[in-house]
Amino acid sequence: MTGRWTRGALFLGAVALIAAALASTAAARVDARGAAAAKTVDVAFIYSKTGGLSAFGQEEFDGFQAGLDYTKGKCGGYTINPTYIDDASTTQTAIDAFKSEVGQGVKIVAGTDSSGIALALAPLAAQNNVLYISGAAASDLVTGQNRNTFRAGRQSMQDVLDAAGIFPPKTQKKIVVFAEDTAFGASNVAAVQQIFGGRGHAVSKILAPFLTADLTPYAQQLKNSAADAVFIAWAGANGPAMWQSLQQQGIAKQMTIVTGLANRATYDAIGPLVQGVTLLSHYVYQAPHNAANTYLVKWMAKNRHSVPDLFTPDGFVSAQMICRALQKGGTDTSKQISALEGWQFLAPKGKQFIRPADHAMLQPMFQVQLLPTKNGHFGVKVVKTVSPGNVQPPVTPFK
C-alpha cells in the first residue's frame, strides 16, 4: 500500500510540476506580449487630407512618413504606431478627431496645417495633458500657448524677420498686407505691423475671404492703395488665381512685392511677377546641405517619385520630435515635454532648437529667386541662408 501510494504521489507531483511549468510559460508569453504592446505607442496624425489646405496636408503627410523611416529604431525601443485622420481643413472636424483619439487613450497628437485648427487644439492638449505638435500652422499665437504644445514648422514672425532688411534704414514706406481673412492672415498682419511698423513704416491690410473665387475686387483695392510695397501672405488653394488677379491689375509695375515663396505648384504663376525680386522662403529642397535633407530628398525620389515641397520638412520634424520624446521621456507626458525643451537637432532645414521659454522653433530661413527655365516654367535659385539667430521671434511666455 505504501509503495502504491508513493508512486501515485510521485505521479501527481509530476503532473503538478508540469502544470506549473506550463503556467509559468504561458505567463511569460503573456508578459512578453504585454511588454511588446507597451513598447508600441499610438500617435494621432490629424491633417488636411481634403479641403482647402489639402496640398499642404499631403506635403506634411509625406514628410512625416519619411521622418518615421529616418528615426526607426532610434526611439528608445519604442515603435510609433500612427493613425492618420483627415480634418477636411475644418476646425470642428479636427476637434472631434482630437477628442475621440484622446478618449481612446492616445497621448501624442501631431499634424495640423491650419493656424485656426492649431489654436483650437492647443488648449485641449493642456486640458488633457497630452503632447501636441502642430505642423505647418504659422500663427505666432501657437507659440507660448502652453507647455503641452509644440510646433514643428516656422511662425509668421520668422517670415517677416526674413524680410526685415528689404528697405533701407530710416526710410518710410506705405506697406499693405495682402492676405486671406484667416488666423494665418491675421498673424501676418500683426507680425508686419510689429516689425515694419516698429521701424516707422505705415502698415495697412487688405483681407480676402478664404478660398473666395473672385479676387479681382481685392486686387483692385490693392492697386488703388498707392502703396510702396505689398506683403503677400497666402495659404489657400486659390493662390495661382490670386497671382493672376495681381498680374491683371499690373501690381508688379506699381509697387514692390514682398512675399514668401509658396509650394511648387505656384512657381509658374508667380514667376512672371517677381523677376529680379528676392523672395522669402521657409524651405526649398535645394538650399540645405546636410544628412537629414539628403535622406528626405532620396526618400521622396524613391517613394513619391518627386522632390520635397514647402511643408514636407515640417512633417519630417514632427516625427523627429515624437521619437525624441519617447527616447528620453518614455510614455510619461511630463518627461516628454522636458525632453523636447531645449533640444537642438539636425533637421532637413539645418540645425534647429526648441526654445524652452515658449517652444518657439528656432530654425534657418532662406531667400530665393524664381528664374525662367524650359518651356515657360520657373525654377528656384537660392540666394541666401538666414541663420536662426537673425530670425528669432520675441519670447512669448506661456499663458
Protein backbone atom coordinates (compact mmCIF):
# COMPACT_ATOMS: atom_id res chain seq x y z
CA MET A 1 0.00 0.00 0.00
CA THR A 2 2.74 2.35 0.94
CA GLY A 3 4.56 1.73 -2.34
CA ARG A 4 1.45 2.23 -4.43
CA TRP A 5 0.61 5.44 -2.56
CA THR A 6 4.15 6.70 -3.07
CA ARG A 7 4.06 6.00 -6.81
CA GLY A 8 0.68 7.77 -7.01
CA ALA A 9 2.02 10.70 -5.06
CA LEU A 10 5.06 10.87 -7.35
CA PHE A 11 2.78 10.76 -10.40
CA LEU A 12 0.55 13.55 -9.05
CA GLY A 13 3.63 15.54 -8.11
CA ALA A 14 4.99 15.24 -11.64
CA VAL A 15 1.67 16.37 -13.06
CA ALA A 16 1.73 19.35 -10.72
CA LEU A 17 5.26 20.27 -11.79
CA ILE A 18 4.33 20.03 -15.48
CA ALA A 19 1.24 22.15 -14.92
CA ALA A 20 3.28 24.73 -13.03
CA ALA A 21 5.84 24.84 -15.82
CA LEU A 22 3.14 25.26 -18.45
CA ALA A 23 1.50 28.01 -16.39
CA SER A 24 4.85 29.73 -16.00
CA THR A 25 5.49 29.55 -19.75
CA ALA A 26 2.01 30.90 -20.52
CA ALA A 27 2.54 33.73 -18.03
CA ALA A 28 5.88 34.53 -19.65
CA ARG A 29 4.20 34.67 -23.05
CA VAL A 30 1.50 36.99 -21.71
CA ASP A 31 4.17 39.19 -20.11
CA ALA A 32 6.11 39.24 -23.37
CA ARG A 33 3.03 40.22 -25.31
CA GLY A 34 2.25 42.91 -22.74
CA ALA A 35 5.79 44.22 -22.88
CA ALA A 36 5.66 44.31 -26.67
CA ALA A 37 2.37 46.18 -26.57
CA ALA A 38 3.77 48.63 -24.03
CA LYS A 39 6.62 49.44 -26.43
CA THR A 40 4.21 50.38 -29.22
CA VAL A 41 2.90 53.91 -28.87
CA ASP A 42 -0.22 55.10 -30.68
CA VAL A 43 0.03 58.55 -32.28
CA ALA A 44 -2.79 60.51 -33.93
CA PHE A 45 -1.69 62.45 -37.00
CA ILE A 46 -4.51 64.90 -37.78
CA TYR A 47 -4.03 66.70 -41.08
CA SER A 48 -5.84 68.16 -44.08
CA LYS A 49 -6.09 65.23 -46.47
CA THR A 50 -9.01 67.05 -48.11
CA GLY A 51 -10.32 70.60 -48.08
CA GLY A 52 -8.70 73.94 -48.87
CA LEU A 53 -5.33 73.03 -47.36
CA SER A 54 -5.07 69.51 -48.79
CA ALA A 55 -1.96 70.30 -50.85
CA PHE A 56 -0.10 71.31 -47.70
CA GLY A 57 -1.54 68.34 -45.84
CA GLN A 58 -0.11 65.94 -48.41
CA GLU A 59 3.31 67.54 -48.05
CA GLU A 60 3.24 67.10 -44.27
CA PHE A 61 1.98 63.54 -44.59
CA ASP A 62 4.85 62.63 -46.94
CA GLY A 63 7.39 64.27 -44.66
CA PHE A 64 6.04 62.50 -41.58
CA GLN A 65 6.32 59.10 -43.23
CA ALA A 66 9.87 59.90 -44.33
CA GLY A 67 10.67 61.01 -40.79
CA LEU A 68 9.29 57.78 -39.33
CA ASP A 69 11.65 55.81 -41.57
CA TYR A 70 14.55 58.12 -40.67
CA THR A 71 14.02 57.66 -36.92
CA LYS A 72 13.09 53.95 -36.94
CA GLY A 73 14.96 52.04 -34.25
CA LYS A 74 16.19 55.23 -32.55
CA CYS A 75 13.25 55.95 -30.24
CA GLY A 76 14.43 54.23 -27.06
CA GLY A 77 12.95 50.88 -28.00
CA TYR A 78 9.51 52.34 -28.74
CA THR A 79 7.68 51.83 -32.03
CA ILE A 80 5.43 54.64 -33.30
CA ASN A 81 2.03 53.43 -34.48
CA PRO A 82 0.34 56.32 -36.35
CA THR A 83 -3.34 56.72 -37.13
CA TYR A 84 -3.94 59.21 -39.95
CA ILE A 85 -7.09 61.30 -39.64
CA ASP A 86 -8.47 63.79 -42.18
CA ASP A 87 -9.68 67.04 -40.62
CA ALA A 88 -11.01 68.21 -44.03
CA SER A 89 -9.42 71.62 -43.29
CA THR A 90 -12.19 72.38 -40.78
CA THR A 91 -11.75 73.19 -37.11
CA GLN A 92 -14.69 71.23 -35.69
CA THR A 93 -13.68 68.06 -37.50
CA ALA A 94 -10.19 68.37 -36.05
CA ILE A 95 -11.55 68.99 -32.55
CA ASP A 96 -13.82 65.96 -32.78
CA ALA A 97 -10.93 63.79 -34.00
CA PHE A 98 -8.66 65.05 -31.23
CA LYS A 99 -11.23 64.31 -28.52
CA SER A 100 -12.00 60.87 -29.96
CA GLU A 101 -8.35 59.82 -30.09
CA VAL A 102 -7.56 61.13 -26.61
CA GLY A 103 -10.69 59.41 -25.32
CA GLN A 104 -9.24 56.13 -26.62
CA GLY A 105 -6.03 56.68 -24.70
CA VAL A 106 -3.83 58.38 -27.30
CA LYS A 107 -1.31 60.69 -25.58
CA ILE A 108 0.53 62.15 -28.61
CA VAL A 109 -1.14 64.17 -31.37
CA ALA A 110 0.63 65.75 -34.35
CA GLY A 111 -0.09 67.23 -37.77
CA THR A 112 -2.19 70.37 -38.27
CA ASP A 113 -1.73 72.58 -41.32
CA SER A 114 -4.23 75.27 -40.29
CA SER A 115 -3.44 78.01 -37.78
CA GLY A 116 -7.08 78.19 -36.73
CA ILE A 117 -7.13 74.46 -36.03
CA ALA A 118 -3.85 74.58 -34.10
CA LEU A 119 -5.18 77.38 -31.89
CA ALA A 120 -8.29 75.29 -31.16
CA LEU A 121 -6.36 72.11 -30.32
CA ALA A 122 -3.64 73.68 -28.17
CA PRO A 123 -5.89 74.32 -25.13
CA LEU A 124 -7.25 70.77 -25.40
CA ALA A 125 -3.70 69.44 -25.19
CA ALA A 126 -3.17 71.17 -21.86
CA GLN A 127 -6.58 70.19 -20.52
CA ASN A 128 -5.97 66.51 -21.29
CA ASN A 129 -2.22 66.55 -20.56
CA VAL A 130 -1.17 65.15 -23.94
CA LEU A 131 1.79 66.05 -26.14
CA TYR A 132 0.66 68.12 -29.12
CA ILE A 133 2.94 69.04 -32.04
CA SER A 134 1.44 71.34 -34.66
CA GLY A 135 2.90 71.20 -38.15
CA ALA A 136 2.80 73.93 -40.79
CA ALA A 137 0.39 76.15 -38.80
CA ALA A 138 2.21 79.50 -38.87
CA SER A 139 0.28 81.69 -36.44
CA ASP A 140 2.58 83.31 -33.89
CA LEU A 141 -0.13 82.68 -31.29
CA VAL A 142 0.65 78.94 -31.30
CA THR A 143 4.00 79.76 -29.67
CA GLY A 144 3.65 80.17 -25.91
CA GLN A 145 0.18 78.58 -25.73
CA ASN A 146 1.09 76.07 -23.01
CA ARG A 147 3.82 73.58 -22.15
CA ASN A 148 1.96 70.72 -23.84
CA THR A 149 2.01 72.47 -27.23
CA PHE A 150 4.98 72.48 -29.60
CA ARG A 151 5.41 73.39 -33.26
CA ALA A 152 7.35 71.59 -35.97
CA GLY A 153 7.26 74.44 -38.50
CA ARG A 154 8.09 78.12 -38.59
CA GLN A 155 5.89 81.00 -37.45
CA SER A 156 4.82 84.18 -39.24
CA MET A 157 7.26 86.37 -37.33
CA GLN A 158 10.14 84.37 -38.79
CA ASP A 159 8.82 85.00 -42.30
CA VAL A 160 8.63 88.73 -41.63
CA LEU A 161 12.05 88.89 -39.96
CA ASP A 162 13.42 87.20 -43.06
CA ALA A 163 12.20 90.28 -44.97
CA ALA A 164 13.20 92.88 -42.38
CA GLY A 165 16.18 94.20 -44.32
CA ILE A 166 14.32 94.74 -47.58
CA PHE A 167 14.03 98.54 -47.20
CA PRO A 168 16.97 100.83 -46.37
CA PRO A 169 17.12 102.13 -42.77
CA LYS A 170 15.35 105.41 -41.95
CA THR A 171 13.02 105.24 -44.93
CA GLN A 172 9.26 105.45 -44.52
CA LYS A 173 7.17 103.28 -46.80
CA LYS A 174 3.49 102.59 -47.17
CA ILE A 175 3.06 98.81 -46.90
CA VAL A 176 -0.15 96.86 -47.43
CA VAL A 177 -0.51 93.30 -46.14
CA PHE A 178 -2.50 91.36 -48.74
CA ALA A 179 -3.79 88.12 -47.21
CA GLU A 180 -6.75 85.90 -46.51
CA ASP A 181 -9.10 86.64 -43.64
CA THR A 182 -7.89 83.71 -41.52
CA ALA A 183 -5.78 83.18 -38.40
CA PHE A 184 -2.78 82.87 -40.72
CA GLY A 185 -3.58 86.19 -42.37
CA ALA A 186 -4.13 87.92 -39.04
CA SER A 187 -0.83 86.58 -37.78
CA ASN A 188 1.00 88.08 -40.73
CA VAL A 189 -0.72 91.44 -40.31
CA ALA A 190 0.35 91.52 -36.67
CA ALA A 191 3.93 90.50 -37.48
CA VAL A 192 4.33 93.05 -40.28
CA GLN A 193 2.85 95.75 -38.04
CA GLN A 194 5.27 94.86 -35.26
CA ILE A 195 8.42 94.62 -37.39
CA PHE A 196 7.87 97.11 -40.20
CA GLY A 197 5.54 99.41 -38.26
CA GLY A 198 8.11 99.48 -35.48
CA ARG A 199 10.63 100.85 -37.98
CA GLY A 200 8.47 103.78 -38.99
CA HIS A 201 6.62 102.30 -41.98
CA ALA A 202 2.86 102.74 -42.36
CA VAL A 203 1.13 99.35 -42.42
CA SER A 204 -2.43 98.62 -43.55
CA LYS A 205 -4.23 95.47 -44.69
CA ILE A 206 -6.49 94.07 -47.39
CA LEU A 207 -8.04 90.74 -46.42
CA ALA A 208 -9.98 88.47 -48.77
CA PRO A 209 -12.32 85.67 -47.63
CA PHE A 210 -10.67 82.26 -47.52
CA LEU A 211 -10.90 80.47 -50.89
CA THR A 212 -13.03 83.21 -52.45
CA ALA A 213 -13.43 82.62 -56.18
CA ASP A 214 -13.37 86.24 -57.39
CA LEU A 215 -10.24 88.05 -56.25
CA THR A 216 -10.48 90.92 -58.71
CA PRO A 217 -12.13 93.39 -56.27
CA TYR A 218 -9.35 92.85 -53.74
CA ALA A 219 -6.63 93.22 -56.37
CA GLN A 220 -8.28 96.49 -57.44
CA GLN A 221 -8.25 97.71 -53.83
CA LEU A 222 -4.55 96.99 -53.72
CA LYS A 223 -3.99 98.85 -56.99
CA ASN A 224 -5.84 101.88 -55.65
CA SER A 225 -3.98 101.88 -52.32
CA ALA A 226 -0.98 103.82 -53.69
CA ALA A 227 1.26 101.62 -51.57
CA ASP A 228 5.02 101.47 -51.97
CA ALA A 229 5.06 97.75 -51.25
CA VAL A 230 2.71 94.82 -50.70
CA PHE A 231 3.48 92.00 -48.29
CA ILE A 232 1.59 88.97 -49.61
CA ALA A 233 0.76 86.11 -47.24
CA TRP A 234 -1.39 83.45 -48.93
CA ALA A 235 -2.13 79.86 -47.98
CA GLY A 236 -5.27 78.89 -49.89
CA ALA A 237 -5.50 76.62 -52.91
CA ASN A 238 -6.55 79.67 -54.96
CA GLY A 239 -3.00 81.03 -54.83
CA PRO A 240 -2.49 80.84 -58.62
CA ALA A 241 -5.79 82.71 -59.17
CA MET A 242 -4.67 85.37 -56.72
CA TRP A 243 -1.42 85.90 -58.60
CA GLN A 244 -3.28 86.07 -61.89
CA SER A 245 -5.52 88.81 -60.46
CA LEU A 246 -2.48 90.82 -59.38
CA GLN A 247 -0.92 90.39 -62.79
CA GLN A 248 -4.10 91.63 -64.48
CA GLN A 249 -4.03 94.77 -62.31
CA GLY A 250 -0.35 95.45 -63.04
CA ILE A 251 0.64 95.33 -59.37
CA ALA A 252 4.27 94.39 -60.05
CA LYS A 253 4.78 97.60 -62.07
CA GLN A 254 3.22 99.78 -59.41
CA MET A 255 4.79 98.58 -56.15
CA THR A 256 7.43 96.30 -54.62
CA ILE A 257 6.21 92.77 -53.96
CA VAL A 258 7.38 91.15 -50.74
CA THR A 259 6.24 87.57 -50.26
CA GLY A 260 7.20 84.11 -49.19
CA LEU A 261 7.67 81.53 -51.90
CA ALA A 262 4.76 79.10 -51.64
CA ASN A 263 4.67 75.47 -52.76
CA ARG A 264 5.96 74.40 -56.14
CA ALA A 265 2.53 74.49 -57.81
CA THR A 266 2.62 78.32 -57.68
CA TYR A 267 6.04 78.83 -59.28
CA ASP A 268 4.81 79.37 -62.83
CA ALA A 269 2.03 81.72 -61.70
CA ILE A 270 4.21 83.92 -59.50
CA GLY A 271 7.35 83.75 -61.65
CA PRO A 272 6.45 86.42 -64.26
CA LEU A 273 5.52 88.88 -61.49
CA VAL A 274 8.65 88.66 -59.39
CA GLN A 275 11.54 88.73 -61.83
CA GLY A 276 14.55 90.18 -60.01
CA VAL A 277 12.72 90.10 -56.67
CA THR A 278 14.24 88.26 -53.70
CA LEU A 279 11.59 86.02 -52.16
CA LEU A 280 11.36 84.76 -48.61
CA SER A 281 11.49 81.01 -48.27
CA HIS A 282 10.60 78.66 -45.43
CA TYR A 283 12.18 75.78 -47.34
CA VAL A 284 13.28 74.71 -50.80
CA TYR A 285 14.94 71.35 -51.10
CA GLN A 286 17.95 72.78 -52.97
CA ALA A 287 19.01 75.08 -50.11
CA PRO A 288 20.13 72.92 -47.14
CA HIS A 289 23.13 70.62 -47.42
CA ASN A 290 23.04 68.09 -44.61
CA ALA A 291 22.39 64.40 -43.96
CA ALA A 292 18.76 64.82 -42.89
CA ASN A 293 17.83 66.77 -46.02
CA THR A 294 19.70 64.30 -48.22
CA TYR A 295 17.71 61.46 -46.64
CA LEU A 296 14.43 63.31 -47.22
CA VAL A 297 15.25 64.09 -50.86
CA LYS A 298 16.22 60.46 -51.55
CA TRP A 299 13.15 59.13 -49.72
CA MET A 300 10.84 61.34 -51.78
CA ALA A 301 12.53 60.28 -55.02
CA LYS A 302 12.17 56.59 -54.14
CA ASN A 303 8.69 56.60 -52.58
CA ARG A 304 6.91 59.52 -54.26
CA HIS A 305 8.92 59.96 -57.47
CA SER A 306 9.04 63.63 -56.60
CA VAL A 307 11.01 66.18 -54.56
CA PRO A 308 10.18 67.66 -51.14
CA ASP A 309 7.88 70.68 -51.18
CA LEU A 310 7.36 73.64 -48.87
CA PHE A 311 5.99 71.81 -45.82
CA THR A 312 7.50 68.35 -46.29
CA PRO A 313 10.19 69.08 -43.68
CA ASP A 314 7.54 70.03 -41.10
CA GLY A 315 6.12 66.51 -41.19
CA PHE A 316 9.65 65.10 -41.03
CA VAL A 317 10.44 67.21 -37.94
CA SER A 318 7.19 66.09 -36.28
CA ALA A 319 8.43 62.50 -36.48
CA GLN A 320 11.84 63.51 -35.15
CA MET A 321 10.23 65.26 -32.18
CA ILE A 322 7.98 62.32 -31.32
CA CYS A 323 10.94 59.96 -31.49
CA ARG A 324 12.97 62.21 -29.19
CA ALA A 325 10.08 62.50 -26.72
CA LEU A 326 9.78 58.70 -26.50
CA GLN A 327 13.52 58.10 -26.39
CA LYS A 328 14.09 60.42 -23.44
CA GLY A 329 10.66 60.56 -21.80
CA GLY A 330 9.11 57.17 -22.43
CA THR A 331 5.32 57.34 -22.19
CA ASP A 332 5.29 59.99 -19.44
CA THR A 333 3.95 63.24 -20.96
CA SER A 334 5.75 65.47 -18.44
CA LYS A 335 9.07 63.79 -19.20
CA GLN A 336 8.40 64.01 -22.95
CA ILE A 337 7.89 67.76 -22.65
CA SER A 338 11.14 68.14 -20.71
CA ALA A 339 12.94 66.04 -23.34
CA LEU A 340 11.88 68.42 -26.11
CA GLU A 341 12.50 71.70 -24.31
CA GLY A 342 15.97 72.98 -25.18
CA TRP A 343 16.59 70.23 -27.74
CA GLN A 344 18.94 71.14 -30.59
CA PHE A 345 18.91 68.75 -33.53
CA LEU A 346 19.64 68.37 -37.21
CA ALA A 347 16.51 68.72 -39.34
CA PRO A 348 16.21 68.85 -43.13
CA LYS A 349 16.46 72.67 -42.98
CA GLY A 350 19.60 72.53 -40.83
CA LYS A 351 20.19 72.91 -37.10
CA GLN A 352 17.01 73.69 -35.16
CA PHE A 353 16.40 74.50 -31.50
CA ILE A 354 13.27 74.34 -29.37
CA ARG A 355 13.29 77.38 -27.09
CA PRO A 356 12.29 76.25 -23.58
CA ALA A 357 10.66 79.56 -22.63
CA ASP A 358 7.83 79.35 -25.19
CA HIS A 359 8.54 76.38 -27.53
CA ALA A 360 9.38 78.61 -30.49
CA MET A 361 11.15 76.52 -33.13
CA LEU A 362 14.33 78.42 -33.97
CA GLN A 363 15.47 77.48 -37.47
CA PRO A 364 17.19 78.85 -40.56
CA MET A 365 15.20 80.62 -43.24
CA PHE A 366 16.11 81.24 -46.85
CA GLN A 367 15.93 83.85 -49.59
CA VAL A 368 15.49 82.79 -53.20
CA GLN A 369 14.61 83.98 -56.68
CA LEU A 370 12.46 82.42 -59.37
CA LEU A 371 14.13 82.24 -62.77
CA PRO A 372 12.80 81.06 -66.13
CA THR A 373 13.70 77.52 -67.11
CA LYS A 374 12.48 75.50 -70.09
CA ASN A 375 9.09 75.71 -71.80
CA GLY A 376 7.90 78.76 -69.87
CA HIS A 377 8.41 77.22 -66.43
CA PHE A 378 10.26 78.68 -63.45
CA GLY A 379 12.78 77.24 -61.03
CA VAL A 380 14.49 78.29 -57.81
CA LYS A 381 17.82 79.99 -57.36
CA VAL A 382 18.98 80.04 -53.73
CA VAL A 383 20.28 83.50 -52.81
CA LYS A 384 20.93 83.31 -49.07
CA THR A 385 20.55 81.20 -45.93
CA VAL A 386 19.49 83.29 -42.93
CA SER A 387 20.71 81.92 -39.60
CA PRO A 388 18.21 81.07 -36.84
CA GLY A 389 19.50 83.88 -34.63
CA ASN A 390 18.63 86.51 -37.23
CA VAL A 391 15.00 85.39 -37.49
CA GLN A 392 14.40 84.77 -33.79
CA PRO A 393 10.90 85.83 -32.74
CA PRO A 394 10.35 87.65 -29.44
CA VAL A 395 9.70 85.38 -26.46
CA THR A 396 6.01 84.76 -25.79
CA PRO A 397 5.66 83.49 -22.20
CA PHE A 398 3.23 80.67 -21.59
CA LYS A 399 -0.29 81.76 -20.72
